[in-house]
Every structure is written in structure tokens, then in C-alpha cells.
Amino acid sequence: EYEHLDVNALYQRAVAVEDKPFEEAGRELGLACSTEEALPLTLYFLLNNQEPTMEGILETLSNNALCGGDSCARGLLLGMVLGAAFEGEMPDELIDQLNCNEA
């Protein structure tokens, strides 16, 4: 049975720590992989990167990994949202850094 997820409440949790360093935000919001745990910290990272620049994206993804916990689940969400900022055309600088970047 599907349980309703209160996305607004999760967003408010992210907003409440928006001005804190990512390490502290991670401790407060949680580092687990469930949607309820991963979404607030993912939103925190998005709130702190509102400029879709290469530098901003790399810093956001790096901070996500450095925060620890289940960074892969958050990274997946971050990649989808930040990738949309480039309208599906990720910069070559990012693609070139992938281990398997051949189309």
C-alpha cells in the first residue's frame, strides 16, 4: 500500500537548514536512501545551487558525495534536475569525466 509523501513538509525541512554548511545539513536532514530521508537533503543542495553553471554543478555533486550516507540516490536525483538545467545537453567537460562515456 502506497503511503502519501508530504513533499511540502520535506521541502520545509530543507529550507530550514538552507543557510547551514552541507555537513551540518546532512546530519540534520539524514543520510539514508529512502525518499523521505533523501529528498530533503537533495532539495537542500538544489536550494544552494540556483545557478546552473558548470562550477555550481560540480560543487553540488562534490558536496553531495562528501556529505556521505547514500549519496548515490541523492546524486541520481541531483543529476536529473541539474541535467535539465542544460536542457539534456550536458557539457562535454562533464561527459569526458565519466568512466564510460562512449555513445
PDB file of N, CA and C in Angstrom:
ATOM      1  N   GLU A   1       0.845  -1.180   0.000  1.00  0.00           N
ATOM      2  CA  GLU A   1       0.000   0.000   0.000  1.00  0.00           C
ATOM      3  C   GLU A   1       0.890   1.243   0.000  1.00  0.00           C
ATOM      4  N   TYR A   2       0.580   2.183  -0.873  1.00  0.00           N
ATOM      5  CA  TYR A   2       1.365   3.414  -1.001  1.00  0.00           C
ATOM      6  C   TYR A   2       0.969   4.396   0.086  1.00  0.00           C
ATOM      7  N   GLU A   3       1.953   4.928   0.765  1.00  0.00           N
ATOM      8  CA  GLU A   3       1.710   5.938   1.787  1.00  0.00           C
ATOM      9  C   GLU A   3       2.008   7.308   1.200  1.00  0.00           C
ATOM     10  N   HIS A   4       1.114   8.244   1.407  1.00  0.00           N
ATOM     11  CA  HIS A   4       1.281   9.598   0.873  1.00  0.00           C
ATOM     12  C   HIS A   4       2.548  10.240   1.438  1.00  0.00           C
ATOM     13  N   LEU A   5       3.317  10.846   0.570  1.00  0.00           N
ATOM     14  CA  LEU A   5       4.540  11.526   0.963  1.00  0.00           C
ATOM     15  C   LEU A   5       4.268  13.026   0.992  1.00  0.00           C
ATOM     16  N   ASP A   6       4.471  13.650   2.120  1.00  0.00           N
ATOM     17  CA  ASP A   6       4.217  15.084   2.268  1.00  0.00           C
ATOM     18  C   ASP A   6       5.437  15.858   1.773  1.00  0.00           C
ATOM     19  N   VAL A   7       5.471  16.107   0.468  1.00  0.00           N
ATOM     20  CA  VAL A   7       6.614  16.768  -0.161  1.00  0.00           C
ATOM     21  C   VAL A   7       6.794  18.177   0.388  1.00  0.00           C
ATOM     22  N   ASN A   8       5.722  18.868   0.663  1.00  0.00           N
ATOM     23  CA  ASN A   8       5.829  20.220   1.217  1.00  0.00           C
ATOM     24  C   ASN A   8       6.553  20.209   2.562  1.00  0.00           C
ATOM     25  N   ALA A   9       6.243  19.250   3.410  1.00  0.00           N
ATOM     26  CA  ALA A   9       6.921  19.150   4.710  1.00  0.00           C
ATOM     27  C   ALA A   9       8.404  18.843   4.516  1.00  0.00           C
ATOM     28  N   LEU A  10       8.729  17.991   3.542  1.00  0.00           N
ATOM     29  CA  LEU A  10      10.134  17.667   3.263  1.00  0.00           C
ATOM     30  C   LEU A  10      10.864  18.896   2.731  1.00  0.00           C
ATOM     31  N   TYR A  11      10.180  19.659   1.888  1.00  0.00           N
ATOM     32  CA  TYR A  11      10.763  20.901   1.362  1.00  0.00           C
ATOM     33  C   TYR A  11      11.011  21.894   2.504  1.00  0.00           C
ATOM     34  N   GLN A  12      10.084  22.016   3.412  1.00  0.00           N
ATOM     35  CA  GLN A  12      10.244  22.935   4.539  1.00  0.00           C
ATOM     36  C   GLN A  12      11.423  22.532   5.428  1.00  0.00           C
ATOM     37  N   ARG A  13      11.660  21.226   5.559  1.00  0.00           N
ATOM     38  CA  ARG A  13      12.837  20.770   6.308  1.00  0.00           C
ATOM     39  C   ARG A  13      14.116  21.247   5.632  1.00  0.00           C
ATOM     40  N   ALA A  14      14.148  21.204   4.290  1.00  0.00           N
ATOM     41  CA  ALA A  14      15.327  21.653   3.543  1.00  0.00           C
ATOM     42  C   ALA A  14      15.507  23.155   3.687  1.00  0.00           C
ATOM     43  N   VAL A  15      14.430  23.896   3.596  1.00  0.00           N
ATOM     44  CA  VAL A  15      14.500  25.355   3.718  1.00  0.00           C
ATOM     45  C   VAL A  15      15.002  25.752   5.101  1.00  0.00           C
ATOM     46  N   ALA A  16      14.625  25.003   6.120  1.00  0.00           N
ATOM     47  CA  ALA A  16      15.013  25.329   7.496  1.00  0.00           C
ATOM     48  C   ALA A  16      16.524  25.269   7.709  1.00  0.00           C
ATOM     49  N   VAL A  17      17.235  24.510   6.883  1.00  0.00           N
ATOM     50  CA  VAL A  17      18.694  24.389   7.044  1.00  0.00           C
ATOM     51  C   VAL A  17      19.451  24.962   5.856  1.00  0.00           C
ATOM     52  N   GLU A  18      18.756  25.692   5.009  1.00  0.00           N
ATOM     53  CA  GLU A  18      19.330  26.189   3.754  1.00  0.00           C
ATOM     54  C   GLU A  18      20.633  26.963   3.946  1.00  0.00           C
ATOM     55  N   ASP A  19      20.758  27.702   5.032  1.00  0.00           N
ATOM     56  CA  ASP A  19      21.941  28.540   5.254  1.00  0.00           C
ATOM     57  C   ASP A  19      23.058  27.841   6.026  1.00  0.00           C
ATOM     58  N   LYS A  20      22.884  26.576   6.332  1.00  0.00           N
ATOM     59  CA  LYS A  20      23.896  25.845   7.087  1.00  0.00           C
ATOM     60  C   LYS A  20      24.871  25.154   6.132  1.00  0.00           C
ATOM     61  N   PRO A  21      26.081  24.867   6.595  1.00  0.00           N
ATOM     62  CA  PRO A  21      27.029  24.105   5.770  1.00  0.00           C
ATOM     63  C   PRO A  21      26.448  22.727   5.452  1.00  0.00           C
ATOM     64  N   PHE A  22      26.845  22.157   4.310  1.00  0.00           N
ATOM     65  CA  PHE A  22      26.246  20.904   3.872  1.00  0.00           C
ATOM     66  C   PHE A  22      26.452  19.762   4.860  1.00  0.00           C
ATOM     67  N   GLU A  23      27.587  19.751   5.569  1.00  0.00           N
ATOM     68  CA  GLU A  23      27.823  18.680   6.540  1.00  0.00           C
ATOM     69  C   GLU A  23      26.778  18.721   7.654  1.00  0.00           C
ATOM     70  N   GLU A  24      26.507  19.911   8.145  1.00  0.00           N
ATOM     71  CA  GLU A  24      25.520  20.072   9.213  1.00  0.00           C
ATOM     72  C   GLU A  24      24.110  19.779   8.699  1.00  0.00           C
ATOM     73  N   ALA A  25      23.818  20.244   7.493  1.00  0.00           N
ATOM     74  CA  ALA A  25      22.508  19.969   6.897  1.00  0.00           C
ATOM     75  C   ALA A  25      22.304  18.465   6.748  1.00  0.00           C
ATOM     76  N   GLY A  26      23.341  17.759   6.341  1.00  0.00           N
ATOM     77  CA  GLY A  26      23.258  16.307   6.199  1.00  0.00           C
ATOM     78  C   GLY A  26      22.962  15.617   7.510  1.00  0.00           C
ATOM     79  N   ARG A  27      23.619  16.056   8.572  1.00  0.00           N
ATOM     80  CA  ARG A  27      23.365  15.462   9.885  1.00  0.00           C
ATOM     81  C   ARG A  27      21.927  15.713  10.328  1.00  0.00           C
ATOM     82  N   GLU A  28      21.421  16.893  10.057  1.00  0.00           N
ATOM     83  CA  GLU A  28      20.069  17.238  10.486  1.00  0.00           C
ATOM     84  C   GLU A  28      18.983  16.598   9.621  1.00  0.00           C
ATOM     85  N   LEU A  29      19.222  16.526   8.313  1.00  0.00           N
ATOM     86  CA  LEU A  29      18.196  16.020   7.414  1.00  0.00           C
ATOM     87  C   LEU A  29      18.236  14.510   7.240  1.00  0.00           C
ATOM     88  N   GLY A  30      19.375  13.909   7.487  1.00  0.00           N
ATOM     89  CA  GLY A  30      19.500  12.465   7.350  1.00  0.00           C
ATOM     90  C   GLY A  30      20.240  12.085   6.081  1.00  0.00           C
ATOM     91  N   LEU A  31      20.893  10.938   6.136  1.00  0.00           N
ATOM     92  CA  LEU A  31      21.728  10.480   5.027  1.00  0.00           C
ATOM     93  C   LEU A  31      21.246   9.168   4.424  1.00  0.00           C
ATOM     94  N   ALA A  32      20.083   8.706   4.830  1.00  0.00           N
ATOM     95  CA  ALA A  32      19.565   7.423   4.348  1.00  0.00           C
ATOM     96  C   ALA A  32      19.045   7.538   2.916  1.00  0.00           C
ATOM     97  N   CYS A  33      18.675   6.401   2.334  1.00  0.00           N
ATOM     98  CA  CYS A  33      18.297   6.391   0.922  1.00  0.00           C
ATOM     99  C   CYS A  33      16.796   6.406   0.676  1.00  0.00           C
ATOM    100  N   SER A  34      15.968   6.257   1.698  1.00  0.00           N
ATOM    101  CA  SER A  34      14.528   6.299   1.448  1.00  0.00           C
ATOM    102  C   SER A  34      14.159   7.686   0.938  1.00  0.00           C
ATOM    103  N   THR A  35      13.091   7.767   0.181  1.00  0.00           N
ATOM    104  CA  THR A  35      12.676   9.052  -0.380  1.00  0.00           C
ATOM    105  C   THR A  35      12.482  10.080   0.723  1.00  0.00           C
ATOM    106  N   GLU A  36      11.864   9.656   1.786  1.00  0.00           N
ATOM    107  CA  GLU A  36      11.595  10.581   2.889  1.00  0.00           C
ATOM    108  C   GLU A  36      12.882  11.143   3.485  1.00  0.00           C
ATOM    109  N   GLU A  37      13.947  10.350   3.485  1.00  0.00           N
ATOM    110  CA  GLU A  37      15.225  10.809   4.020  1.00  0.00           C
ATOM    111  C   GLU A  37      16.072  11.508   2.954  1.00  0.00           C
ATOM    112  N   ALA A  38      16.089  11.001   1.733  1.00  0.00           N
ATOM    113  CA  ALA A  38      16.971  11.540   0.686  1.00  0.00           C
ATOM    114  C   ALA A  38      16.463  12.848   0.094  1.00  0.00           C
ATOM    115  N   LEU A  39      15.154  13.024  -0.010  1.00  0.00           N
ATOM    116  CA  LEU A  39      14.612  14.195  -0.684  1.00  0.00           C
ATOM    117  C   LEU A  39      14.937  15.514   0.019  1.00  0.00           C
ATOM    118  N   PRO A  40      14.824  15.623   1.356  1.00  0.00           N
ATOM    119  CA  PRO A  40      15.146  16.915   1.976  1.00  0.00           C
ATOM    120  C   PRO A  40      16.587  17.364   1.715  1.00  0.00           C
ATOM    121  N   LEU A  41      17.543  16.459   1.813  1.00  0.00           N
ATOM    122  CA  LEU A  41      18.939  16.850   1.587  1.00  0.00           C
ATOM    123  C   LEU A  41      19.181  17.153   0.110  1.00  0.00           C
ATOM    124  N   THR A  42      18.512  16.428  -0.777  1.00  0.00           N
ATOM    125  CA  THR A  42      18.604  16.729  -2.205  1.00  0.00           C
ATOM    126  C   THR A  42      18.067  18.126  -2.480  1.00  0.00           C
ATOM    127  N   LEU A  43      16.939  18.453  -1.880  1.00  0.00           N
ATOM    128  CA  LEU A  43      16.363  19.790  -2.036  1.00  0.00           C
ATOM    129  C   LEU A  43      17.289  20.856  -1.461  1.00  0.00           C
ATOM    130  N   TYR A  44      17.929  20.541  -0.347  1.00  0.00           N
ATOM    131  CA  TYR A  44      18.907  21.467   0.245  1.00  0.00           C
ATOM    132  C   TYR A  44      19.994  21.799  -0.779  1.00  0.00           C
ATOM    133  N   PHE A  45      20.540  20.764  -1.416  1.00  0.00           N
ATOM    134  CA  PHE A  45      21.601  21.001  -2.400  1.00  0.00           C
ATOM    135  C   PHE A  45      21.096  21.828  -3.576  1.00  0.00           C
ATOM    136  N   LEU A  46      19.867  21.578  -4.008  1.00  0.00           N
ATOM    137  CA  LEU A  46      19.301  22.354  -5.115  1.00  0.00           C
ATOM    138  C   LEU A  46      19.045  23.801  -4.703  1.00  0.00           C
ATOM    139  N   LEU A  47      18.596  24.012  -3.481  1.00  0.00           N
ATOM    140  CA  LEU A  47      18.372  25.378  -2.998  1.00  0.00           C
ATOM    141  C   LEU A  47      19.678  26.163  -2.949  1.00  0.00           C
ATOM    142  N   ASN A  48      20.768  25.455  -2.720  1.00  0.00           N
ATOM    143  CA  ASN A  48      22.069  26.112  -2.618  1.00  0.00           C
ATOM    144  C   ASN A  48      22.815  26.154  -3.944  1.00  0.00           C
ATOM    145  N   ASN A  49      22.174  25.738  -5.029  1.00  0.00           N
ATOM    146  CA  ASN A  49      22.784  25.828  -6.357  1.00  0.00           C
ATOM    147  C   ASN A  49      21.707  26.260  -7.336  1.00  0.00           C
ATOM    148  N   GLN A  50      21.426  27.516  -7.341  1.00  0.00           N
ATOM    149  CA  GLN A  50      20.380  28.017  -8.223  1.00  0.00           C
ATOM    150  C   GLN A  50      20.941  28.608  -9.505  1.00  0.00           C
ATOM    151  N   GLU A  51      22.252  28.531  -9.680  1.00  0.00           N
ATOM    152  CA  GLU A  51      22.909  28.969 -10.913  1.00  0.00           C
ATOM    153  C   GLU A  51      23.403  27.729 -11.642  1.00  0.00           C
ATOM    154  N   PRO A  52      22.784  27.373 -12.771  1.00  0.00           N
ATOM    155  CA  PRO A  52      23.188  26.156 -13.478  1.00  0.00           C
ATOM    156  C   PRO A  52      24.490  26.344 -14.266  1.00  0.00           C
ATOM    157  N   THR A  53      25.563  26.579 -13.543  1.00  0.00           N
ATOM    158  CA  THR A  53      26.875  26.699 -14.181  1.00  0.00           C
ATOM    159  C   THR A  53      27.652  25.409 -13.954  1.00  0.00           C
ATOM    160  N   MET A  54      28.655  25.203 -14.765  1.00  0.00           N
ATOM    161  CA  MET A  54      29.495  24.027 -14.594  1.00  0.00           C
ATOM    162  C   MET A  54      30.096  23.993 -13.191  1.00  0.00           C
ATOM    163  N   GLU A  55      30.625  25.120 -12.755  1.00  0.00           N
ATOM    164  CA  GLU A  55      31.224  25.199 -11.420  1.00  0.00           C
ATOM    165  C   GLU A  55      30.215  24.854 -10.336  1.00  0.00           C
ATOM    166  N   GLY A  56      29.014  25.409 -10.447  1.00  0.00           N
ATOM    167  CA  GLY A  56      27.980  25.161  -9.453  1.00  0.00           C
ATOM    168  C   GLY A  56      27.554  23.706  -9.403  1.00  0.00           C
ATOM    169  N   ILE A  57      27.415  23.098 -10.577  1.00  0.00           N
ATOM    170  CA  ILE A  57      27.010  21.699 -10.631  1.00  0.00           C
ATOM    171  C   ILE A  57      28.094  20.804 -10.034  1.00  0.00           C
ATOM    172  N   LEU A  58      29.338  21.042 -10.393  1.00  0.00           N
ATOM    173  CA  LEU A  58      30.429  20.220  -9.853  1.00  0.00           C
ATOM    174  C   LEU A  58      30.545  20.373  -8.343  1.00  0.00           C
ATOM    175  N   GLU A  59      30.374  21.587  -7.843  1.00  0.00           N
ATOM    176  CA  GLU A  59      30.429  21.804  -6.393  1.00  0.00           C
ATOM    177  C   GLU A  59      29.280  21.084  -5.695  1.00  0.00           C
ATOM    178  N   THR A  60      28.091  21.167  -6.281  1.00  0.00           N
ATOM    179  CA  THR A  60      26.931  20.498  -5.685  1.00  0.00           C
ATOM    180  C   THR A  60      27.121  18.985  -5.645  1.00  0.00           C
ATOM    181  N   LEU A  61      27.562  18.403  -6.751  1.00  0.00           N
ATOM    182  CA  LEU A  61      27.763  16.957  -6.796  1.00  0.00           C
ATOM    183  C   LEU A  61      28.888  16.520  -5.862  1.00  0.00           C
ATOM    184  N   SER A  62      29.938  17.309  -5.780  1.00  0.00           N
ATOM    185  CA  SER A  62      31.038  17.008  -4.873  1.00  0.00           C
ATOM    186  C   SER A  62      30.583  17.079  -3.417  1.00  0.00           C
ATOM    187  N   ASN A  63      29.861  18.133  -3.061  1.00  0.00           N
ATOM    188  CA  ASN A  63      29.371  18.265  -1.692  1.00  0.00           C
ATOM    189  C   ASN A  63      28.421  17.124  -1.331  1.00  0.00           C
ATOM    190  N   ASN A  64      27.615  16.687  -2.285  1.00  0.00           N
ATOM    191  CA  ASN A  64      26.728  15.561  -2.049  1.00  0.00           C
ATOM    192  C   ASN A  64      27.543  14.318  -1.692  1.00  0.00           C
ATOM    193  N   ALA A  65      28.585  14.042  -2.461  1.00  0.00           N
ATOM    194  CA  ALA A  65      29.416  12.864  -2.199  1.00  0.00           C
ATOM    195  C   ALA A  65      30.156  12.993  -0.871  1.00  0.00           C
ATOM    196  N   LEU A  66      30.664  14.181  -0.578  1.00  0.00           N
ATOM    197  CA  LEU A  66      31.400  14.400   0.663  1.00  0.00           C
ATOM    198  C   LEU A  66      30.511  14.311   1.891  1.00  0.00           C
ATOM    199  N   CYS A  67      29.228  14.548   1.713  1.00  0.00           N
ATOM    200  CA  CYS A  67      28.288  14.507   2.828  1.00  0.00           C
ATOM    201  C   CYS A  67      28.158  13.090   3.384  1.00  0.00           C
ATOM    202  N   GLY A  68      28.357  12.099   2.535  1.00  0.00           N
ATOM    203  CA  GLY A  68      28.294  10.713   2.983  1.00  0.00           C
ATOM    204  C   GLY A  68      26.894  10.144   2.904  1.00  0.00           C
ATOM    205  N   GLY A  69      26.714   9.007   3.565  1.00  0.00           N
ATOM    206  CA  GLY A  69      25.426   8.336   3.504  1.00  0.00           C
ATOM    207  C   GLY A  69      25.176   7.803   2.114  1.00  0.00           C
ATOM    208  N   ASP A  70      23.917   7.740   1.725  1.00  0.00           N
ATOM    209  CA  ASP A  70      23.568   7.217   0.407  1.00  0.00           C
ATOM    210  C   ASP A  70      23.625   8.328  -0.630  1.00  0.00           C
ATOM    211  N   SER A  71      24.824   8.726  -0.979  1.00  0.00           N
ATOM    212  CA  SER A  71      24.994   9.826  -1.930  1.00  0.00           C
ATOM    213  C   SER A  71      24.566   9.433  -3.339  1.00  0.00           C
ATOM    214  N   CYS A  72      24.515   8.138  -3.643  1.00  0.00           N
ATOM    215  CA  CYS A  72      24.111   7.703  -4.994  1.00  0.00           C
ATOM    216  C   CYS A  72      22.660   8.041  -5.282  1.00  0.00           C
ATOM    217  N   ALA A  73      21.775   7.784  -4.332  1.00  0.00           N
ATOM    218  CA  ALA A  73      20.353   8.090  -4.540  1.00  0.00           C
ATOM    219  C   ALA A  73      20.154   9.590  -4.704  1.00  0.00           C
ATOM    220  N   ARG A  74      20.813  10.370  -3.864  1.00  0.00           N
ATOM    221  CA  ARG A  74      20.713  11.825  -3.987  1.00  0.00           C
ATOM    222  C   ARG A  74      21.350  12.281  -5.287  1.00  0.00           C
ATOM    223  N   GLY A  75      22.476  11.682  -5.664  1.00  0.00           N
ATOM    224  CA  GLY A  75      23.168  12.042  -6.896  1.00  0.00           C
ATOM    225  C   GLY A  75      22.314  11.785  -8.123  1.00  0.00           C
ATOM    226  N   LEU A  76      21.550  10.708  -8.095  1.00  0.00           N
ATOM    227  CA  LEU A  76      20.648  10.411  -9.202  1.00  0.00           C
ATOM    228  C   LEU A  76      19.621  11.526  -9.354  1.00  0.00           C
ATOM    229  N   LEU A  77      19.004  11.916  -8.259  1.00  0.00           N
ATOM    230  CA  LEU A  77      18.017  12.998  -8.292  1.00  0.00           C
ATOM    231  C   LEU A  77      18.669  14.315  -8.714  1.00  0.00           C
ATOM    232  N   LEU A  78      19.830  14.607  -8.141  1.00  0.00           N
ATOM    233  CA  LEU A  78      20.526  15.848  -8.487  1.00  0.00           C
ATOM    234  C   LEU A  78      20.896  15.867  -9.965  1.00  0.00           C
ATOM    235  N   GLY A  79      21.374  14.747 -10.478  1.00  0.00           N
ATOM    236  CA  GLY A  79      21.754  14.669 -11.882  1.00  0.00           C
ATOM    237  C   GLY A  79      20.585  14.925 -12.815  1.00  0.00           C
ATOM    238  N   MET A  80      19.424  14.381 -12.451  1.00  0.00           N
ATOM    239  CA  MET A  80      18.247  14.596 -13.301  1.00  0.00           C
ATOM    240  C   MET A  80      17.836  16.063 -13.310  1.00  0.00           C
ATOM    241  N   VAL A  81      17.791  16.676 -12.142  1.00  0.00           N
ATOM    242  CA  VAL A  81      17.343  18.069 -12.065  1.00  0.00           C
ATOM    243  C   VAL A  81      18.387  19.014 -12.653  1.00  0.00           C
ATOM    244  N   LEU A  82      19.643  18.834 -12.272  1.00  0.00           N
ATOM    245  CA  LEU A  82      20.691  19.719 -12.784  1.00  0.00           C
ATOM    246  C   LEU A  82      20.906  19.500 -14.278  1.00  0.00           C
ATOM    247  N   GLY A  83      20.744  18.258 -14.739  1.00  0.00           N
ATOM    248  CA  GLY A  83      20.849  17.976 -16.169  1.00  0.00           C
ATOM    249  C   GLY A  83      19.767  18.687 -16.966  1.00  0.00           C
ATOM    250  N   ALA A  84      18.596  18.795 -16.379  1.00  0.00           N
ATOM    251  CA  ALA A  84      17.506  19.505 -17.052  1.00  0.00           C
ATOM    252  C   ALA A  84      17.842  20.982 -17.236  1.00  0.00           C
ATOM    253  N   ALA A  85      18.675  21.517 -16.362  1.00  0.00           N
ATOM    254  CA  ALA A  85      19.093  22.920 -16.490  1.00  0.00           C
ATOM    255  C   ALA A  85      19.871  23.142 -17.786  1.00  0.00           C
ATOM    256  N   PHE A  86      20.491  22.085 -18.290  1.00  0.00           N
ATOM    257  CA  PHE A  86      21.226  22.160 -19.554  1.00  0.00           C
ATOM    258  C   PHE A  86      20.382  21.635 -20.709  1.00  0.00           C
ATOM    259  N   GLU A  87      19.092  21.466 -20.450  1.00  0.00           N
ATOM    260  CA  GLU A  87      18.137  21.012 -21.470  1.00  0.00           C
ATOM    261  C   GLU A  87      18.587  19.719 -22.136  1.00  0.00           C
ATOM    262  N   GLY A  88      19.119  18.805 -21.328  1.00  0.00           N
ATOM    263  CA  GLY A  88      19.504  17.500 -21.848  1.00  0.00           C
ATOM    264  C   GLY A  88      20.845  17.464 -22.548  1.00  0.00           C
ATOM    265  N   GLU A  89      21.485  18.581 -22.705  1.00  0.00           N
ATOM    266  CA  GLU A  89      22.787  18.651 -23.373  1.00  0.00           C
ATOM    267  C   GLU A  89      23.862  18.949 -22.337  1.00  0.00           C
ATOM    268  N   MET A  90      24.341  17.894 -21.681  1.00  0.00           N
ATOM    269  CA  MET A  90      25.362  18.087 -20.663  1.00  0.00           C
ATOM    270  C   MET A  90      26.659  18.553 -21.311  1.00  0.00           C
ATOM    271  N   PRO A  91      27.355  19.464 -20.651  1.00  0.00           N
ATOM    272  CA  PRO A  91      28.624  19.960 -21.194  1.00  0.00           C
ATOM    273  C   PRO A  91      29.640  18.833 -21.371  1.00  0.00           C
ATOM    274  N   ASP A  92      30.438  18.946 -22.413  1.00  0.00           N
ATOM    275  CA  ASP A  92      31.459  17.936 -22.698  1.00  0.00           C
ATOM    276  C   ASP A  92      32.402  17.731 -21.524  1.00  0.00           C
ATOM    277  N   GLU A  93      32.679  18.794 -20.757  1.00  0.00           N
ATOM    278  CA  GLU A  93      33.587  18.666 -19.616  1.00  0.00           C
ATOM    279  C   GLU A  93      33.090  17.630 -18.607  1.00  0.00           C
ATOM    280  N   LEU A  94      31.776  17.521 -18.444  1.00  0.00           N
ATOM    281  CA  LEU A  94      31.233  16.518 -17.539  1.00  0.00           C
ATOM    282  C   LEU A  94      31.246  15.130 -18.166  1.00  0.00           C
ATOM    283  N   ILE A  95      30.838  15.050 -19.403  1.00  0.00           N
ATOM    284  CA  ILE A  95      30.772  13.760 -20.096  1.00  0.00           C
ATOM    285  C   ILE A  95      32.163  13.141 -20.192  1.00  0.00           C
ATOM    286  N   ASP A  96      33.171  13.946 -20.465  1.00  0.00           N
ATOM    287  CA  ASP A  96      34.541  13.450 -20.605  1.00  0.00           C
ATOM    288  C   ASP A  96      35.082  12.834 -19.319  1.00  0.00           C
ATOM    289  N   GLN A  97      34.519  13.201 -18.167  1.00  0.00           N
ATOM    290  CA  GLN A  97      34.996  12.690 -16.887  1.00  0.00           C
ATOM    291  C   GLN A  97      34.368  11.347 -16.495  1.00  0.00           C
ATOM    292  N   LEU A  98      33.380  10.909 -17.263  1.00  0.00           N
ATOM    293  CA  LEU A  98      32.722   9.636 -16.959  1.00  0.00           C
ATOM    294  C   LEU A  98      33.633   8.465 -17.328  1.00  0.00           C
ATOM    295  N   ASN A  99      33.536   7.401 -16.570  1.00  0.00           N
ATOM    296  CA  ASN A  99      34.325   6.210 -16.862  1.00  0.00           C
ATOM    297  C   ASN A  99      33.907   5.557 -18.181  1.00  0.00           C
ATOM    298  N   CYS A 100      32.642   5.606 -18.481  1.00  0.00           N
ATOM    299  CA  CYS A 100      32.120   5.015 -19.724  1.00  0.00           C
ATOM    300  C   CYS A 100      31.320   6.100 -20.443  1.00  0.00           C
ATOM    301  N   ASN A 101      31.980   6.847 -21.293  1.00  0.00           N
ATOM    302  CA  ASN A 101      31.335   8.000 -21.917  1.00  0.00           C
ATOM    303  C   ASN A 101      31.089   7.838 -23.414  1.00  0.00           C
ATOM    304  N   GLU A 102      31.183   6.614 -23.899  1.00  0.00           N
ATOM    305  CA  GLU A 102      31.006   6.400 -25.333  1.00  0.00           C
ATOM    306  C   GLU A 102      29.538   6.179 -25.644  1.00  0.00           C
ATOM    307  N   ALA A 103      29.048   6.826 -26.690  1.00  0.00           N
ATOM    308  CA  ALA A 103      27.635   6.662 -27.074  1.00  0.00           C
ATOM    309  C   ALA A 103      27.448   5.440 -27.921  1.00  0.00           C
TER     310      ALA A 103
END
